[in-house]
Amino acid sequence: MGKILAGKASDIPSGKMIKLEADGKDILVTNVDGNYYAMDDTCAHAGASLAEGSLDDSIITCPWHGATWDCKTGKMIKFGVQLKDLASYKVTVESDDIFVED
């Protein structure tokens, strides 16, 4: 994947998230209190887009079945069965540009 432009910091205010596609991967970028995080966007349970779910502090809730993930690490927090953790990615901010890289 390398380093890709995710967007402008002004486009992702605190408490919001966006989905982007890079090299065939769907990536979720979140803003938690001015800090940006990136992880895989696809829920490991049934394939839902986590960008369609909700963000509460650093907890993302899947819109389909309620699995929860920590957007800072990609670690699964809670679900009825154990799911695999999702990959997380390095995020850097340069001026007003947000970059995601693996």
PDB file of N, CA and C in Angstrom:
ATOM      1  N   MET A   1       0.834  -1.191   0.000  1.00  0.00           N
ATOM      2  CA  MET A   1       0.000   0.000   0.000  1.00  0.00           C
ATOM      3  C   MET A   1       0.875   1.249   0.000  1.00  0.00           C
ATOM      4  N   GLY A   2       1.958   1.257   0.758  1.00  0.00           N
ATOM      5  CA  GLY A   2       2.797   2.448   0.817  1.00  0.00           C
ATOM      6  C   GLY A   2       2.123   3.548   1.612  1.00  0.00           C
ATOM      7  N   LYS A   3       2.353   4.784   1.209  1.00  0.00           N
ATOM      8  CA  LYS A   3       1.791   5.958   1.880  1.00  0.00           C
ATOM      9  C   LYS A   3       0.757   6.587   0.962  1.00  0.00           C
ATOM     10  N   ILE A   4      -0.479   6.701   1.469  1.00  0.00           N
ATOM     11  CA  ILE A   4      -1.553   7.259   0.637  1.00  0.00           C
ATOM     12  C   ILE A   4      -2.214   8.440   1.345  1.00  0.00           C
ATOM     13  N   LEU A   5      -2.691   9.375   0.562  1.00  0.00           N
ATOM     14  CA  LEU A   5      -3.410  10.528   1.094  1.00  0.00           C
ATOM     15  C   LEU A   5      -4.836  10.101   1.427  1.00  0.00           C
ATOM     16  N   ALA A   6      -5.219  10.266   2.691  1.00  0.00           N
ATOM     17  CA  ALA A   6      -6.571   9.904   3.121  1.00  0.00           C
ATOM     18  C   ALA A   6      -7.531  11.072   3.004  1.00  0.00           C
ATOM     19  N   GLY A   7      -7.001  12.286   3.051  1.00  0.00           N
ATOM     20  CA  GLY A   7      -7.842  13.465   2.958  1.00  0.00           C
ATOM     21  C   GLY A   7      -7.283  14.589   3.788  1.00  0.00           C
ATOM     22  N   LYS A   8      -8.076  15.610   3.971  1.00  0.00           N
ATOM     23  CA  LYS A   8      -7.704  16.783   4.757  1.00  0.00           C
ATOM     24  C   LYS A   8      -8.191  16.598   6.196  1.00  0.00           C
ATOM     25  N   ALA A   9      -7.408  17.070   7.137  1.00  0.00           N
ATOM     26  CA  ALA A   9      -7.804  16.997   8.546  1.00  0.00           C
ATOM     27  C   ALA A   9      -9.145  17.704   8.747  1.00  0.00           C
ATOM     28  N   SER A  10      -9.352  18.782   8.032  1.00  0.00           N
ATOM     29  CA  SER A  10     -10.606  19.530   8.153  1.00  0.00           C
ATOM     30  C   SER A  10     -11.811  18.740   7.651  1.00  0.00           C
ATOM     31  N   ASP A  11     -11.582  17.662   6.865  1.00  0.00           N
ATOM     32  CA  ASP A  11     -12.668  16.826   6.357  1.00  0.00           C
ATOM     33  C   ASP A  11     -13.101  15.755   7.360  1.00  0.00           C
ATOM     34  N   ILE A  12     -12.277  15.533   8.400  1.00  0.00           N
ATOM     35  CA  ILE A  12     -12.586  14.492   9.390  1.00  0.00           C
ATOM     36  C   ILE A  12     -12.541  15.132  10.777  1.00  0.00           C
ATOM     37  N   PRO A  13     -13.630  15.788  11.181  1.00  0.00           N
ATOM     38  CA  PRO A  13     -13.633  16.415  12.506  1.00  0.00           C
ATOM     39  C   PRO A  13     -13.653  15.359  13.619  1.00  0.00           C
ATOM     40  N   SER A  14     -13.363  15.781  14.816  1.00  0.00           N
ATOM     41  CA  SER A  14     -13.334  14.873  15.963  1.00  0.00           C
ATOM     42  C   SER A  14     -14.658  14.123  16.091  1.00  0.00           C
ATOM     43  N   GLY A  15     -14.558  12.815  16.309  1.00  0.00           N
ATOM     44  CA  GLY A  15     -15.747  11.978  16.451  1.00  0.00           C
ATOM     45  C   GLY A  15     -16.281  11.437  15.138  1.00  0.00           C
ATOM     46  N   LYS A  16     -15.596  11.715  14.048  1.00  0.00           N
ATOM     47  CA  LYS A  16     -16.056  11.265  12.730  1.00  0.00           C
ATOM     48  C   LYS A  16     -15.101  10.233  12.147  1.00  0.00           C
ATOM     49  N   MET A  17     -15.560   9.560  11.095  1.00  0.00           N
ATOM     50  CA  MET A  17     -14.748   8.568  10.410  1.00  0.00           C
ATOM     51  C   MET A  17     -15.081   8.569   8.928  1.00  0.00           C
ATOM     52  N   ILE A  18     -14.101   8.146   8.128  1.00  0.00           N
ATOM     53  CA  ILE A  18     -14.299   8.028   6.687  1.00  0.00           C
ATOM     54  C   ILE A  18     -13.748   6.685   6.225  1.00  0.00           C
ATOM     55  N   LYS A  19     -14.228   6.256   5.089  1.00  0.00           N
ATOM     56  CA  LYS A  19     -13.737   5.026   4.461  1.00  0.00           C
ATOM     57  C   LYS A  19     -12.989   5.412   3.196  1.00  0.00           C
ATOM     58  N   LEU A  20     -11.857   4.744   2.964  1.00  0.00           N
ATOM     59  CA  LEU A  20     -11.145   4.937   1.707  1.00  0.00           C
ATOM     60  C   LEU A  20     -10.674   3.587   1.199  1.00  0.00           C
ATOM     61  N   GLU A  21     -10.355   3.543  -0.075  1.00  0.00           N
ATOM     62  CA  GLU A  21      -9.893   2.304  -0.707  1.00  0.00           C
ATOM     63  C   GLU A  21      -8.470   2.520  -1.198  1.00  0.00           C
ATOM     64  N   ALA A  22      -7.600   1.569  -0.871  1.00  0.00           N
ATOM     65  CA  ALA A  22      -6.211   1.642  -1.315  1.00  0.00           C
ATOM     66  C   ALA A  22      -5.723   0.244  -1.628  1.00  0.00           C
ATOM     67  N   ASP A  23      -5.255   0.037  -2.842  1.00  0.00           N
ATOM     68  CA  ASP A  23      -4.732  -1.265  -3.271  1.00  0.00           C
ATOM     69  C   ASP A  23      -5.706  -2.406  -2.987  1.00  0.00           C
ATOM     70  N   GLY A  24      -6.990  -2.164  -3.233  1.00  0.00           N
ATOM     71  CA  GLY A  24      -8.000  -3.192  -3.037  1.00  0.00           C
ATOM     72  C   GLY A  24      -8.427  -3.405  -1.593  1.00  0.00           C
ATOM     73  N   LYS A  25      -7.905  -2.603  -0.666  1.00  0.00           N
ATOM     74  CA  LYS A  25      -8.286  -2.708   0.743  1.00  0.00           C
ATOM     75  C   LYS A  25      -9.196  -1.550   1.105  1.00  0.00           C
ATOM     76  N   ASP A  26     -10.212  -1.839   1.918  1.00  0.00           N
ATOM     77  CA  ASP A  26     -11.052  -0.787   2.467  1.00  0.00           C
ATOM     78  C   ASP A  26     -10.493  -0.423   3.833  1.00  0.00           C
ATOM     79  N   ILE A  27     -10.168   0.857   4.013  1.00  0.00           N
ATOM     80  CA  ILE A  27      -9.532   1.361   5.225  1.00  0.00           C
ATOM     81  C   ILE A  27     -10.467   2.365   5.896  1.00  0.00           C
ATOM     82  N   LEU A  28     -10.570   2.272   7.208  1.00  0.00           N
ATOM     83  CA  LEU A  28     -11.371   3.197   7.999  1.00  0.00           C
ATOM     84  C   LEU A  28     -10.423   4.157   8.706  1.00  0.00           C
ATOM     85  N   VAL A  29     -10.649   5.459   8.540  1.00  0.00           N
ATOM     86  CA  VAL A  29      -9.847   6.478   9.213  1.00  0.00           C
ATOM     87  C   VAL A  29     -10.762   7.209  10.186  1.00  0.00           C
ATOM     88  N   THR A  30     -10.323   7.311  11.448  1.00  0.00           N
ATOM     89  CA  THR A  30     -11.136   7.946  12.487  1.00  0.00           C
ATOM     90  C   THR A  30     -10.378   9.107  13.119  1.00  0.00           C
ATOM     91  N   ASN A  31     -11.145  10.033  13.692  1.00  0.00           N
ATOM     92  CA  ASN A  31     -10.586  11.135  14.464  1.00  0.00           C
ATOM     93  C   ASN A  31     -11.156  11.036  15.870  1.00  0.00           C
ATOM     94  N   VAL A  32     -10.269  10.770  16.836  1.00  0.00           N
ATOM     95  CA  VAL A  32     -10.662  10.688  18.244  1.00  0.00           C
ATOM     96  C   VAL A  32      -9.936  11.809  18.979  1.00  0.00           C
ATOM     97  N   ASP A  33     -10.676  12.845  19.308  1.00  0.00           N
ATOM     98  CA  ASP A  33     -10.116  13.994  20.042  1.00  0.00           C
ATOM     99  C   ASP A  33      -8.876  14.584  19.370  1.00  0.00           C
ATOM    100  N   GLY A  34      -8.918  14.697  18.042  1.00  0.00           N
ATOM    101  CA  GLY A  34      -7.821  15.301  17.304  1.00  0.00           C
ATOM    102  C   GLY A  34      -6.689  14.356  16.951  1.00  0.00           C
ATOM    103  N   ASN A  35      -6.820  13.089  17.330  1.00  0.00           N
ATOM    104  CA  ASN A  35      -5.834  12.073  16.967  1.00  0.00           C
ATOM    105  C   ASN A  35      -6.451  11.160  15.911  1.00  0.00           C
ATOM    106  N   TYR A  36      -5.678  10.855  14.874  1.00  0.00           N
ATOM    107  CA  TYR A  36      -6.191  10.081  13.753  1.00  0.00           C
ATOM    108  C   TYR A  36      -5.676   8.648  13.820  1.00  0.00           C
ATOM    109  N   TYR A  37      -6.572   7.706  13.499  1.00  0.00           N
ATOM    110  CA  TYR A  37      -6.248   6.284  13.515  1.00  0.00           C
ATOM    111  C   TYR A  37      -6.806   5.644  12.246  1.00  0.00           C
ATOM    112  N   ALA A  38      -6.183   4.541  11.824  1.00  0.00           N
ATOM    113  CA  ALA A  38      -6.655   3.830  10.637  1.00  0.00           C
ATOM    114  C   ALA A  38      -6.599   2.328  10.896  1.00  0.00           C
ATOM    115  N   MET A  39      -7.596   1.630  10.388  1.00  0.00           N
ATOM    116  CA  MET A  39      -7.681   0.177  10.516  1.00  0.00           C
ATOM    117  C   MET A  39      -8.499  -0.369   9.356  1.00  0.00           C
ATOM    118  N   ASP A  40      -8.522  -1.684   9.207  1.00  0.00           N
ATOM    119  CA  ASP A  40      -9.368  -2.292   8.182  1.00  0.00           C
ATOM    120  C   ASP A  40     -10.816  -1.888   8.427  1.00  0.00           C
ATOM    121  N   ASP A  41     -11.551  -1.699   7.353  1.00  0.00           N
ATOM    122  CA  ASP A  41     -12.947  -1.264   7.452  1.00  0.00           C
ATOM    123  C   ASP A  41     -13.926  -2.424   7.493  1.00  0.00           C
ATOM    124  N   THR A  42     -13.523  -3.623   7.105  1.00  0.00           N
ATOM    125  CA  THR A  42     -14.458  -4.729   6.948  1.00  0.00           C
ATOM    126  C   THR A  42     -14.537  -5.581   8.212  1.00  0.00           C
ATOM    127  N   CYS A  43     -15.730  -5.701   8.771  1.00  0.00           N
ATOM    128  CA  CYS A  43     -15.945  -6.507   9.978  1.00  0.00           C
ATOM    129  C   CYS A  43     -15.579  -7.962   9.701  1.00  0.00           C
ATOM    130  N   ALA A  44     -14.872  -8.572  10.637  1.00  0.00           N
ATOM    131  CA  ALA A  44     -14.421  -9.960  10.487  1.00  0.00           C
ATOM    132  C   ALA A  44     -15.554 -10.970  10.646  1.00  0.00           C
ATOM    133  N   HIS A  45     -16.731 -10.533  11.070  1.00  0.00           N
ATOM    134  CA  HIS A  45     -17.848 -11.453  11.273  1.00  0.00           C
ATOM    135  C   HIS A  45     -18.589 -11.742   9.978  1.00  0.00           C
ATOM    136  N   ALA A  46     -19.191 -10.703   9.385  1.00  0.00           N
ATOM    137  CA  ALA A  46     -20.016 -10.937   8.203  1.00  0.00           C
ATOM    138  C   ALA A  46     -19.713  -9.965   7.066  1.00  0.00           C
ATOM    139  N   GLY A  47     -18.637  -9.192   7.184  1.00  0.00           N
ATOM    140  CA  GLY A  47     -18.215  -8.349   6.076  1.00  0.00           C
ATOM    141  C   GLY A  47     -18.830  -6.970   5.988  1.00  0.00           C
ATOM    142  N   ALA A  48     -19.476  -6.498   7.049  1.00  0.00           N
ATOM    143  CA  ALA A  48     -20.068  -5.158   7.023  1.00  0.00           C
ATOM    144  C   ALA A  48     -18.985  -4.090   6.966  1.00  0.00           C
ATOM    145  N   SER A  49     -19.321  -2.953   6.394  1.00  0.00           N
ATOM    146  CA  SER A  49     -18.430  -1.796   6.409  1.00  0.00           C
ATOM    147  C   SER A  49     -18.568  -1.115   7.764  1.00  0.00           C
ATOM    148  N   LEU A  50     -17.470  -1.047   8.510  1.00  0.00           N
ATOM    149  CA  LEU A  50     -17.511  -0.416   9.827  1.00  0.00           C
ATOM    150  C   LEU A  50     -17.756   1.086   9.722  1.00  0.00           C
ATOM    151  N   ALA A  51     -17.459   1.682   8.571  1.00  0.00           N
ATOM    152  CA  ALA A  51     -17.720   3.107   8.360  1.00  0.00           C
ATOM    153  C   ALA A  51     -19.205   3.420   8.447  1.00  0.00           C
ATOM    154  N   GLU A  52     -20.051   2.407   8.257  1.00  0.00           N
ATOM    155  CA  GLU A  52     -21.497   2.592   8.354  1.00  0.00           C
ATOM    156  C   GLU A  52     -21.994   2.400   9.778  1.00  0.00           C
ATOM    157  N   GLY A  53     -21.082   2.039  10.682  1.00  0.00           N
ATOM    158  CA  GLY A  53     -21.428   1.840  12.085  1.00  0.00           C
ATOM    159  C   GLY A  53     -21.301   3.140  12.860  1.00  0.00           C
ATOM    160  N   SER A  54     -21.026   3.009  14.153  1.00  0.00           N
ATOM    161  CA  SER A  54     -20.930   4.193  15.002  1.00  0.00           C
ATOM    162  C   SER A  54     -19.568   4.248  15.686  1.00  0.00           C
ATOM    163  N   LEU A  55     -19.163   5.468  16.021  1.00  0.00           N
ATOM    164  CA  LEU A  55     -17.909   5.721  16.721  1.00  0.00           C
ATOM    165  C   LEU A  55     -18.246   6.429  18.022  1.00  0.00           C
ATOM    166  N   ASP A  56     -17.866   5.826  19.148  1.00  0.00           N
ATOM    167  CA  ASP A  56     -18.077   6.414  20.464  1.00  0.00           C
ATOM    168  C   ASP A  56     -16.745   6.384  21.182  1.00  0.00           C
ATOM    169  N   ASP A  57     -16.120   7.568  21.343  1.00  0.00           N
ATOM    170  CA  ASP A  57     -14.754   7.678  21.833  1.00  0.00           C
ATOM    171  C   ASP A  57     -13.877   6.909  20.853  1.00  0.00           C
ATOM    172  N   SER A  58     -13.232   5.822  21.263  1.00  0.00           N
ATOM    173  CA  SER A  58     -12.405   5.054  20.316  1.00  0.00           C
ATOM    174  C   SER A  58     -13.040   3.704  19.981  1.00  0.00           C
ATOM    175  N   ILE A  59     -14.306   3.522  20.323  1.00  0.00           N
ATOM    176  CA  ILE A  59     -15.004   2.256  20.096  1.00  0.00           C
ATOM    177  C   ILE A  59     -15.869   2.350  18.844  1.00  0.00           C
ATOM    178  N   ILE A  60     -15.608   1.441  17.906  1.00  0.00           N
ATOM    179  CA  ILE A  60     -16.422   1.352  16.691  1.00  0.00           C
ATOM    180  C   ILE A  60     -17.366   0.173  16.844  1.00  0.00           C
ATOM    181  N   THR A  61     -18.635   0.394  16.543  1.00  0.00           N
ATOM    182  CA  THR A  61     -19.638  -0.667  16.613  1.00  0.00           C
ATOM    183  C   THR A  61     -20.110  -1.002  15.212  1.00  0.00           C
ATOM    184  N   CYS A  62     -20.021  -2.276  14.867  1.00  0.00           N
ATOM    185  CA  CYS A  62     -20.456  -2.753  13.561  1.00  0.00           C
ATOM    186  C   CYS A  62     -21.957  -2.530  13.406  1.00  0.00           C
ATOM    187  N   PRO A  63     -22.386  -2.034  12.239  1.00  0.00           N
ATOM    188  CA  PRO A  63     -23.806  -1.742  12.037  1.00  0.00           C
ATOM    189  C   PRO A  63     -24.691  -2.982  11.896  1.00  0.00           C
ATOM    190  N   TRP A  64     -24.118  -4.135  11.578  1.00  0.00           N
ATOM    191  CA  TRP A  64     -24.940  -5.310  11.329  1.00  0.00           C
ATOM    192  C   TRP A  64     -25.243  -6.122  12.586  1.00  0.00           C
ATOM    193  N   HIS A  65     -24.229  -6.465  13.356  1.00  0.00           N
ATOM    194  CA  HIS A  65     -24.448  -7.378  14.483  1.00  0.00           C
ATOM    195  C   HIS A  65     -23.841  -6.897  15.796  1.00  0.00           C
ATOM    196  N   GLY A  66     -23.331  -5.669  15.824  1.00  0.00           N
ATOM    197  CA  GLY A  66     -22.909  -5.059  17.074  1.00  0.00           C
ATOM    198  C   GLY A  66     -21.526  -5.413  17.595  1.00  0.00           C
ATOM    199  N   ALA A  67     -20.691  -6.073  16.801  1.00  0.00           N
ATOM    200  CA  ALA A  67     -19.319  -6.329  17.255  1.00  0.00           C
ATOM    201  C   ALA A  67     -18.633  -4.980  17.485  1.00  0.00           C
ATOM    202  N   THR A  68     -17.773  -4.921  18.495  1.00  0.00           N
ATOM    203  CA  THR A  68     -17.079  -3.675  18.787  1.00  0.00           C
ATOM    204  C   THR A  68     -15.578  -3.849  18.640  1.00  0.00           C
ATOM    205  N   TRP A  69     -14.935  -2.769  18.193  1.00  0.00           N
ATOM    206  CA  TRP A  69     -13.503  -2.750  17.894  1.00  0.00           C
ATOM    207  C   TRP A  69     -12.887  -1.480  18.456  1.00  0.00           C
ATOM    208  N   ASP A  70     -11.619  -1.543  18.817  1.00  0.00           N
ATOM    209  CA  ASP A  70     -10.871  -0.362  19.236  1.00  0.00           C
ATOM    210  C   ASP A  70     -10.207   0.218  17.995  1.00  0.00           C
ATOM    211  N   CYS A  71     -10.608   1.423  17.603  1.00  0.00           N
ATOM    212  CA  CYS A  71     -10.070   2.004  16.367  1.00  0.00           C
ATOM    213  C   CYS A  71      -8.600   2.369  16.494  1.00  0.00           C
ATOM    214  N   LYS A  72      -8.078   2.456  17.705  1.00  0.00           N
ATOM    215  CA  LYS A  72      -6.668   2.798  17.895  1.00  0.00           C
ATOM    216  C   LYS A  72      -5.750   1.623  17.569  1.00  0.00           C
ATOM    217  N   THR A  73      -6.266   0.396  17.743  1.00  0.00           N
ATOM    218  CA  THR A  73      -5.419  -0.792  17.597  1.00  0.00           C
ATOM    219  C   THR A  73      -5.953  -1.837  16.620  1.00  0.00           C
ATOM    220  N   GLY A  74      -7.251  -1.772  16.293  1.00  0.00           N
ATOM    221  CA  GLY A  74      -7.874  -2.798  15.462  1.00  0.00           C
ATOM    222  C   GLY A  74      -8.279  -4.033  16.251  1.00  0.00           C
ATOM    223  N   LYS A  75      -8.109  -4.005  17.555  1.00  0.00           N
ATOM    224  CA  LYS A  75      -8.440  -5.157  18.409  1.00  0.00           C
ATOM    225  C   LYS A  75      -9.945  -5.252  18.613  1.00  0.00           C
ATOM    226  N   MET A  76     -10.443  -6.492  18.525  1.00  0.00           N
ATOM    227  CA  MET A  76     -11.842  -6.723  18.821  1.00  0.00           C
ATOM    228  C   MET A  76     -12.056  -6.552  20.317  1.00  0.00           C
ATOM    229  N   ILE A  77     -13.135  -5.888  20.694  1.00  0.00           N
ATOM    230  CA  ILE A  77     -13.445  -5.686  22.104  1.00  0.00           C
ATOM    231  C   ILE A  77     -14.492  -6.677  22.572  1.00  0.00           C
ATOM    232  N   LYS A  78     -15.633  -6.742  21.842  1.00  0.00           N
ATOM    233  CA  LYS A  78     -16.719  -7.588  22.326  1.00  0.00           C
ATOM    234  C   LYS A  78     -17.602  -8.057  21.177  1.00  0.00           C
ATOM    235  N   PHE A  79     -17.966  -9.336  21.265  1.00  0.00           N
ATOM    236  CA  PHE A  79     -18.937  -9.938  20.361  1.00  0.00           C
ATOM    237  C   PHE A  79     -19.309 -11.289  20.956  1.00  0.00           C
ATOM    238  N   GLY A  80     -20.310 -11.948  20.452  1.00  0.00           N
ATOM    239  CA  GLY A  80     -20.753 -13.236  20.980  1.00  0.00           C
ATOM    240  C   GLY A  80     -19.730 -14.346  20.819  1.00  0.00           C
ATOM    241  N   VAL A  81     -18.906 -14.241  19.789  1.00  0.00           N
ATOM    242  CA  VAL A  81     -17.816 -15.203  19.561  1.00  0.00           C
ATOM    243  C   VAL A  81     -16.538 -14.407  19.313  1.00  0.00           C
ATOM    244  N   GLN A  82     -15.407 -15.045  19.505  1.00  0.00           N
ATOM    245  CA  GLN A  82     -14.133 -14.370  19.267  1.00  0.00           C
ATOM    246  C   GLN A  82     -13.901 -14.211  17.759  1.00  0.00           C
ATOM    247  N   LEU A  83     -13.619 -12.989  17.347  1.00  0.00           N
ATOM    248  CA  LEU A  83     -13.295 -12.702  15.949  1.00  0.00           C
ATOM    249  C   LEU A  83     -11.835 -12.291  15.877  1.00  0.00           C
ATOM    250  N   LYS A  84     -11.265 -12.396  14.690  1.00  0.00           N
ATOM    251  CA  LYS A  84      -9.867 -11.981  14.548  1.00  0.00           C
ATOM    252  C   LYS A  84      -9.776 -10.460  14.626  1.00  0.00           C
ATOM    253  N   ASP A  85      -8.642 -10.003  15.151  1.00  0.00           N
ATOM    254  CA  ASP A  85      -8.387  -8.570  15.191  1.00  0.00           C
ATOM    255  C   ASP A  85      -8.202  -8.067  13.765  1.00  0.00           C
ATOM    256  N   LEU A  86      -8.438  -6.784  13.564  1.00  0.00           N
ATOM    257  CA  LEU A  86      -8.274  -6.172  12.256  1.00  0.00           C
ATOM    258  C   LEU A  86      -6.941  -5.444  12.199  1.00  0.00           C
ATOM    259  N   ALA A  87      -6.376  -5.340  11.022  1.00  0.00           N
ATOM    260  CA  ALA A  87      -5.091  -4.661  10.867  1.00  0.00           C
ATOM    261  C   ALA A  87      -5.256  -3.170  11.149  1.00  0.00           C
ATOM    262  N   SER A  88      -4.257  -2.594  11.788  1.00  0.00           N
ATOM    263  CA  SER A  88      -4.235  -1.149  11.972  1.00  0.00           C
ATOM    264  C   SER A  88      -3.055  -0.592  11.179  1.00  0.00           C
ATOM    265  N   TYR A  89      -3.124   0.687  10.874  1.00  0.00           N
ATOM    266  CA  TYR A  89      -2.148   1.324  10.005  1.00  0.00           C
ATOM    267  C   TYR A  89      -1.630   2.612  10.642  1.00  0.00           C
ATOM    268  N   LYS A  90      -0.422   2.976  10.275  1.00  0.00           N
ATOM    269  CA  LYS A  90       0.185   4.207  10.763  1.00  0.00           C
ATOM    270  C   LYS A  90      -0.483   5.398  10.076  1.00  0.00           C
ATOM    271  N   VAL A  91      -0.762   6.438  10.861  1.00  0.00           N
ATOM    272  CA  VAL A  91      -1.355   7.660  10.323  1.00  0.00           C
ATOM    273  C   VAL A  91      -0.428   8.827  10.668  1.00  0.00           C
ATOM    274  N   THR A  92      -0.158   9.659   9.675  1.00  0.00           N
ATOM    275  CA  THR A  92       0.618  10.872   9.907  1.00  0.00           C
ATOM    276  C   THR A  92      -0.154  12.063   9.364  1.00  0.00           C
ATOM    277  N   VAL A  93       0.070  13.208   9.991  1.00  0.00           N
ATOM    278  CA  VAL A  93      -0.555  14.450   9.538  1.00  0.00           C
ATOM    279  C   VAL A  93       0.556  15.409   9.159  1.00  0.00           C
ATOM    280  N   GLU A  94       0.495  15.915   7.937  1.00  0.00           N
ATOM    281  CA  GLU A  94       1.459  16.882   7.427  1.00  0.00           C
ATOM    282  C   GLU A  94       0.673  18.085   6.938  1.00  0.00           C
ATOM    283  N   SER A  95       0.860  19.207   7.606  1.00  0.00           N
ATOM    284  CA  SER A  95       0.037  20.397   7.382  1.00  0.00           C
ATOM    285  C   SER A  95      -1.410  20.000   7.647  1.00  0.00           C
ATOM    286  N   ASP A  96      -2.263  20.054   6.632  1.00  0.00           N
ATOM    287  CA  ASP A  96      -3.672  19.673   6.805  1.00  0.00           C
ATOM    288  C   ASP A  96      -3.966  18.327   6.144  1.00  0.00           C
ATOM    289  N   ASP A  97      -2.915  17.643   5.657  1.00  0.00           N
ATOM    290  CA  ASP A  97      -3.094  16.378   4.951  1.00  0.00           C
ATOM    291  C   ASP A  97      -2.908  15.190   5.894  1.00  0.00           C
ATOM    292  N   ILE A  98      -3.820  14.218   5.774  1.00  0.00           N
ATOM    293  CA  ILE A  98      -3.735  12.982   6.562  1.00  0.00           C
ATOM    294  C   ILE A  98      -3.261  11.877   5.631  1.00  0.00           C
ATOM    295  N   PHE A  99      -2.215  11.167   6.046  1.00  0.00           N
ATOM    296  CA  PHE A  99      -1.668  10.064   5.272  1.00  0.00           C
ATOM    297  C   PHE A  99      -1.781   8.769   6.070  1.00  0.00           C
ATOM    298  N   VAL A 100      -2.078   7.672   5.369  1.00  0.00           N
ATOM    299  CA  VAL A 100      -2.137   6.341   5.945  1.00  0.00           C
ATOM    300  C   VAL A 100      -1.071   5.512   5.256  1.00  0.00           C
ATOM    301  N   GLU A 101      -0.340   4.713   6.041  1.00  0.00           N
ATOM    302  CA  GLU A 101       0.658   3.840   5.446  1.00  0.00           C
ATOM    303  C   GLU A 101       0.737   2.548   6.231  1.00  0.00           C
ATOM    304  N   ASP A 102       1.215   1.497   5.527  1.00  0.00           N
ATOM    305  CA  ASP A 102       1.356   0.218   6.227  1.00  0.00           C
ATOM    306  C   ASP A 102       2.781   0.021   6.669  1.00  0.00           C
TER     307      ASP A 102
END
